[in-house]
């Protein structure tokens, strides 16, 4: 990874954060909770940015249509996140495999 890649990554992240800050306050709160949860659970492909960008796209559409954030995702943020990543490998899966244990989700 060269310096140009790092600069581009920072530029993209700042643009992403600006989009989140443009959302209504309730959407911002839920987004931050989702982000915190996803960073903790650790889907491997989270770093490519598509999941978080897709969430912001979804939230922007919901806000534009006048819906409340809980109308879009329901009352259980963790369950919504789990559904988003149900087919993704997580760092927890890799750790379980390294111990020779069966995966936690099946």
N, C-alpha and C. Protein backbone atom coordinates (compact mmCIF):
# COMPACT_ATOMS: atom_id res chain seq x y z
N UNK A 1 0.86 -1.17 0.00
CA UNK A 1 0.00 0.00 0.00
C UNK A 1 0.90 1.24 0.00
N UNK A 2 0.76 2.05 -1.01
CA UNK A 2 1.57 3.25 -1.14
C UNK A 2 0.92 4.44 -0.48
N UNK A 3 1.63 5.53 -0.45
CA UNK A 3 1.13 6.76 0.17
C UNK A 3 -0.12 7.26 -0.54
N UNK A 4 -0.17 7.11 -1.85
CA UNK A 4 -1.36 7.55 -2.59
C UNK A 4 -2.59 6.75 -2.18
N UNK A 5 -2.41 5.46 -1.92
CA UNK A 5 -3.53 4.62 -1.46
C UNK A 5 -4.03 5.08 -0.09
N UNK A 6 -3.10 5.42 0.78
CA UNK A 6 -3.48 5.90 2.11
C UNK A 6 -4.23 7.22 2.01
N UNK A 7 -3.73 8.13 1.19
CA UNK A 7 -4.40 9.43 1.01
C UNK A 7 -5.79 9.23 0.43
N UNK A 8 -5.91 8.37 -0.56
CA UNK A 8 -7.22 8.11 -1.18
C UNK A 8 -8.17 7.47 -0.18
N UNK A 9 -7.66 6.55 0.64
CA UNK A 9 -8.50 5.93 1.66
C UNK A 9 -9.02 6.94 2.66
N UNK A 10 -8.16 7.86 3.07
CA UNK A 10 -8.59 8.91 4.00
C UNK A 10 -9.63 9.82 3.37
N UNK A 11 -9.43 10.15 2.10
CA UNK A 11 -10.38 11.01 1.40
C UNK A 11 -11.75 10.33 1.33
N UNK A 12 -11.74 9.05 1.00
CA UNK A 12 -13.01 8.32 0.92
C UNK A 12 -13.68 8.22 2.28
N UNK A 13 -12.90 7.99 3.34
CA UNK A 13 -13.47 7.88 4.68
C UNK A 13 -14.08 9.22 5.10
N UNK A 14 -13.39 10.31 4.82
CA UNK A 14 -13.93 11.64 5.17
C UNK A 14 -15.23 11.92 4.43
N UNK A 15 -15.30 11.54 3.17
CA UNK A 15 -16.53 11.71 2.39
C UNK A 15 -17.65 10.86 2.99
N UNK A 16 -17.31 9.66 3.42
CA UNK A 16 -18.29 8.76 4.04
C UNK A 16 -18.83 9.38 5.34
N UNK A 17 -17.92 9.88 6.17
CA UNK A 17 -18.31 10.50 7.44
C UNK A 17 -19.20 11.72 7.18
N UNK A 18 -18.89 12.49 6.15
CA UNK A 18 -19.71 13.66 5.81
C UNK A 18 -21.12 13.23 5.43
N UNK A 19 -21.25 12.13 4.71
CA UNK A 19 -22.59 11.62 4.35
C UNK A 19 -23.36 11.21 5.59
N UNK A 20 -22.67 10.57 6.54
CA UNK A 20 -23.33 10.16 7.78
C UNK A 20 -23.80 11.40 8.54
N UNK A 21 -22.96 12.42 8.62
CA UNK A 21 -23.32 13.65 9.35
C UNK A 21 -24.47 14.40 8.71
N UNK A 22 -24.72 14.16 7.42
CA UNK A 22 -25.82 14.81 6.72
C UNK A 22 -27.16 14.11 6.98
N UNK A 23 -27.13 12.93 7.58
CA UNK A 23 -28.36 12.19 7.90
C UNK A 23 -29.08 12.85 9.07
N UNK A 24 -30.39 12.61 9.21
CA UNK A 24 -31.11 13.10 10.39
C UNK A 24 -30.49 12.51 11.67
N UNK A 25 -30.63 13.20 12.79
CA UNK A 25 -29.99 12.76 14.04
C UNK A 25 -30.29 11.32 14.45
N UNK A 26 -31.55 10.87 14.31
CA UNK A 26 -31.86 9.50 14.71
C UNK A 26 -31.15 8.48 13.83
N UNK A 27 -31.00 8.78 12.56
CA UNK A 27 -30.26 7.91 11.65
C UNK A 27 -28.78 7.87 12.04
N UNK A 28 -28.23 9.02 12.40
CA UNK A 28 -26.82 9.07 12.80
C UNK A 28 -26.56 8.21 14.03
N UNK A 29 -27.46 8.29 15.00
CA UNK A 29 -27.31 7.50 16.23
C UNK A 29 -27.32 6.02 15.91
N UNK A 30 -28.28 5.58 15.13
CA UNK A 30 -28.39 4.16 14.78
C UNK A 30 -27.20 3.72 13.93
N UNK A 31 -26.77 4.58 13.01
CA UNK A 31 -25.60 4.23 12.20
C UNK A 31 -24.38 4.00 13.09
N UNK A 32 -24.15 4.88 14.03
CA UNK A 32 -22.99 4.73 14.92
C UNK A 32 -23.07 3.45 15.73
N UNK A 33 -24.27 3.11 16.19
CA UNK A 33 -24.44 1.85 16.93
C UNK A 33 -24.17 0.65 16.04
N UNK A 34 -24.65 0.72 14.80
CA UNK A 34 -24.40 -0.37 13.85
C UNK A 34 -22.90 -0.48 13.56
N UNK A 35 -22.26 0.64 13.35
CA UNK A 35 -20.83 0.66 13.07
C UNK A 35 -20.06 0.06 14.24
N UNK A 36 -20.40 0.46 15.45
CA UNK A 36 -19.74 -0.06 16.64
C UNK A 36 -19.92 -1.58 16.73
N UNK A 37 -21.15 -2.03 16.50
CA UNK A 37 -21.45 -3.46 16.56
C UNK A 37 -20.66 -4.23 15.50
N UNK A 38 -20.67 -3.71 14.28
CA UNK A 38 -19.98 -4.40 13.19
C UNK A 38 -18.47 -4.43 13.40
N UNK A 39 -17.91 -3.35 13.94
CA UNK A 39 -16.47 -3.35 14.23
C UNK A 39 -16.14 -4.38 15.31
N UNK A 40 -17.06 -4.57 16.25
CA UNK A 40 -16.83 -5.54 17.33
C UNK A 40 -16.96 -6.97 16.80
N UNK A 41 -17.99 -7.24 16.02
CA UNK A 41 -18.24 -8.58 15.49
C UNK A 41 -17.18 -8.95 14.46
N UNK A 42 -16.79 -7.98 13.65
CA UNK A 42 -15.67 -8.16 12.76
C UNK A 42 -15.88 -8.97 11.51
N UNK A 43 -16.86 -8.66 10.65
CA UNK A 43 -16.89 -9.36 9.37
C UNK A 43 -15.62 -9.01 8.59
N UNK A 44 -15.02 -10.00 7.99
CA UNK A 44 -13.73 -9.83 7.33
C UNK A 44 -13.79 -8.79 6.21
N UNK A 45 -14.87 -8.77 5.46
CA UNK A 45 -14.96 -7.86 4.32
C UNK A 45 -15.43 -6.46 4.69
N UNK A 46 -15.50 -6.14 5.97
CA UNK A 46 -15.91 -4.80 6.41
C UNK A 46 -14.94 -3.74 5.91
N UNK A 47 -13.67 -4.07 5.83
CA UNK A 47 -12.67 -3.08 5.46
C UNK A 47 -12.77 -2.63 4.00
N UNK A 48 -13.47 -3.39 3.15
CA UNK A 48 -13.58 -2.94 1.76
C UNK A 48 -14.56 -1.78 1.60
N UNK A 49 -15.33 -1.48 2.64
CA UNK A 49 -16.18 -0.29 2.65
C UNK A 49 -17.56 -0.45 2.05
N UNK A 50 -17.81 -1.54 1.37
CA UNK A 50 -19.11 -1.68 0.69
C UNK A 50 -20.27 -1.81 1.67
N UNK A 51 -20.08 -2.52 2.77
CA UNK A 51 -21.16 -2.71 3.73
C UNK A 51 -21.58 -1.39 4.35
N UNK A 52 -20.62 -0.63 4.86
CA UNK A 52 -20.95 0.64 5.50
C UNK A 52 -21.52 1.64 4.50
N UNK A 53 -20.97 1.66 3.29
CA UNK A 53 -21.49 2.55 2.25
C UNK A 53 -22.92 2.15 1.88
N UNK A 54 -23.17 0.86 1.81
CA UNK A 54 -24.53 0.38 1.52
C UNK A 54 -25.52 0.78 2.59
N UNK A 55 -25.09 0.75 3.84
CA UNK A 55 -25.96 1.17 4.94
C UNK A 55 -26.30 2.65 4.80
N UNK A 56 -25.30 3.47 4.50
CA UNK A 56 -25.55 4.91 4.32
C UNK A 56 -26.48 5.14 3.14
N UNK A 57 -26.28 4.44 2.04
CA UNK A 57 -27.19 4.55 0.88
C UNK A 57 -28.62 4.24 1.30
N UNK A 58 -28.79 3.13 2.02
CA UNK A 58 -30.10 2.69 2.49
C UNK A 58 -30.73 3.74 3.40
N UNK A 59 -29.93 4.30 4.31
CA UNK A 59 -30.42 5.32 5.22
C UNK A 59 -30.78 6.61 4.49
N UNK A 60 -30.00 7.00 3.52
CA UNK A 60 -30.31 8.20 2.76
C UNK A 60 -31.64 8.06 2.03
N UNK A 61 -31.87 6.88 1.46
CA UNK A 61 -33.13 6.63 0.77
C UNK A 61 -34.30 6.66 1.75
N UNK A 62 -34.13 6.05 2.91
CA UNK A 62 -35.18 6.04 3.93
C UNK A 62 -35.49 7.44 4.43
N UNK A 63 -34.46 8.22 4.68
CA UNK A 63 -34.65 9.59 5.16
C UNK A 63 -35.35 10.43 4.09
N UNK A 64 -34.95 10.25 2.83
CA UNK A 64 -35.56 11.00 1.73
C UNK A 64 -37.04 10.67 1.57
N UNK A 65 -37.41 9.44 1.91
CA UNK A 65 -38.83 9.05 1.79
C UNK A 65 -39.62 9.40 3.05
N UNK A 66 -38.95 9.98 4.04
CA UNK A 66 -39.65 10.43 5.24
C UNK A 66 -39.88 9.36 6.29
N UNK A 67 -39.21 8.23 6.16
CA UNK A 67 -39.37 7.14 7.13
C UNK A 67 -38.42 7.33 8.30
N UNK A 68 -38.85 6.89 9.45
CA UNK A 68 -37.98 6.86 10.61
C UNK A 68 -37.03 5.69 10.48
N UNK A 69 -35.86 5.81 11.10
CA UNK A 69 -34.85 4.77 10.96
C UNK A 69 -35.33 3.42 11.48
N UNK A 70 -36.11 3.43 12.56
CA UNK A 70 -36.59 2.16 13.11
C UNK A 70 -37.65 1.52 12.23
N UNK A 71 -38.32 2.32 11.40
CA UNK A 71 -39.24 1.75 10.41
C UNK A 71 -38.46 0.94 9.38
N UNK A 72 -37.24 1.33 9.12
CA UNK A 72 -36.41 0.62 8.13
C UNK A 72 -35.78 -0.64 8.69
N UNK A 73 -35.25 -0.55 9.90
CA UNK A 73 -34.45 -1.67 10.41
C UNK A 73 -35.11 -2.45 11.53
N UNK A 74 -36.17 -1.92 12.12
CA UNK A 74 -36.79 -2.58 13.26
C UNK A 74 -36.17 -2.10 14.56
N UNK A 75 -36.61 -2.66 15.66
CA UNK A 75 -36.16 -2.20 16.98
C UNK A 75 -34.87 -2.84 17.46
N UNK A 76 -34.43 -3.91 16.82
CA UNK A 76 -33.24 -4.63 17.27
C UNK A 76 -32.09 -4.39 16.28
N UNK A 77 -31.24 -3.44 16.62
CA UNK A 77 -30.13 -3.07 15.74
C UNK A 77 -29.18 -4.25 15.54
N UNK A 78 -28.87 -4.97 16.60
CA UNK A 78 -27.94 -6.10 16.50
C UNK A 78 -28.50 -7.18 15.58
N UNK A 79 -29.78 -7.47 15.69
CA UNK A 79 -30.39 -8.49 14.83
C UNK A 79 -30.34 -8.06 13.36
N UNK A 80 -30.57 -6.78 13.11
CA UNK A 80 -30.48 -6.27 11.74
C UNK A 80 -29.06 -6.44 11.21
N UNK A 81 -28.08 -6.08 12.02
CA UNK A 81 -26.67 -6.23 11.62
C UNK A 81 -26.31 -7.70 11.39
N UNK A 82 -26.77 -8.56 12.29
CA UNK A 82 -26.49 -9.99 12.13
C UNK A 82 -27.06 -10.50 10.82
N UNK A 83 -28.24 -10.02 10.46
CA UNK A 83 -28.85 -10.44 9.20
C UNK A 83 -28.02 -9.95 8.00
N UNK A 84 -27.46 -8.74 8.12
CA UNK A 84 -26.64 -8.21 7.03
C UNK A 84 -25.39 -9.04 6.79
N UNK A 85 -24.83 -9.58 7.85
CA UNK A 85 -23.54 -10.29 7.74
C UNK A 85 -23.67 -11.79 7.90
N UNK A 86 -24.88 -12.31 7.83
CA UNK A 86 -25.09 -13.74 8.11
C UNK A 86 -24.28 -14.66 7.20
N UNK A 87 -23.98 -14.24 5.99
CA UNK A 87 -23.23 -15.09 5.08
C UNK A 87 -21.76 -14.69 4.99
N UNK A 88 -21.33 -13.78 5.85
CA UNK A 88 -19.95 -13.31 5.83
C UNK A 88 -19.12 -14.03 6.88
N UNK A 89 -17.88 -14.28 6.55
CA UNK A 89 -16.96 -14.82 7.55
C UNK A 89 -16.54 -13.70 8.48
N UNK A 90 -16.39 -14.03 9.74
CA UNK A 90 -15.98 -13.05 10.73
C UNK A 90 -14.64 -13.46 11.33
N UNK A 91 -14.02 -12.53 12.02
CA UNK A 91 -12.77 -12.86 12.70
C UNK A 91 -13.01 -13.88 13.80
N UNK A 92 -14.21 -13.86 14.38
CA UNK A 92 -14.56 -14.87 15.39
C UNK A 92 -14.57 -16.26 14.75
N UNK A 93 -15.06 -16.38 13.52
CA UNK A 93 -15.04 -17.67 12.81
C UNK A 93 -13.60 -18.16 12.61
N UNK A 94 -12.74 -17.26 12.20
CA UNK A 94 -11.34 -17.63 11.98
C UNK A 94 -10.70 -18.08 13.29
N UNK A 95 -11.00 -17.37 14.35
CA UNK A 95 -10.45 -17.74 15.66
C UNK A 95 -10.93 -19.12 16.08
N UNK A 96 -12.23 -19.38 15.91
CA UNK A 96 -12.79 -20.70 16.25
C UNK A 96 -12.13 -21.80 15.44
N UNK A 97 -11.92 -21.53 14.14
CA UNK A 97 -11.28 -22.52 13.28
C UNK A 97 -9.84 -22.79 13.73
N UNK A 98 -9.16 -21.74 14.18
CA UNK A 98 -7.78 -21.93 14.62
C UNK A 98 -7.70 -22.77 15.88
N UNK A 99 -8.78 -22.78 16.66
CA UNK A 99 -8.83 -23.61 17.87
C UNK A 99 -9.30 -25.02 17.56
N UNK A 100 -9.74 -25.23 16.32
CA UNK A 100 -10.25 -26.53 15.94
C UNK A 100 -11.69 -26.75 16.39
N UNK A 101 -12.35 -25.67 16.78
CA UNK A 101 -13.74 -25.75 17.21
C UNK A 101 -14.67 -25.54 16.02
N UNK A 102 -15.89 -26.11 16.09
CA UNK A 102 -16.85 -25.86 15.02
C UNK A 102 -17.27 -24.39 15.06
N UNK A 103 -17.68 -23.81 13.91
CA UNK A 103 -18.12 -22.43 13.87
C UNK A 103 -19.28 -22.17 14.83
N UNK A 104 -19.37 -20.94 15.33
CA UNK A 104 -20.43 -20.57 16.25
C UNK A 104 -21.78 -20.52 15.57
N UNK A 105 -21.82 -20.13 14.31
CA UNK A 105 -23.10 -20.03 13.62
C UNK A 105 -23.22 -21.15 12.60
N UNK A 106 -24.35 -21.81 12.63
CA UNK A 106 -24.62 -22.85 11.64
C UNK A 106 -26.08 -23.08 11.54
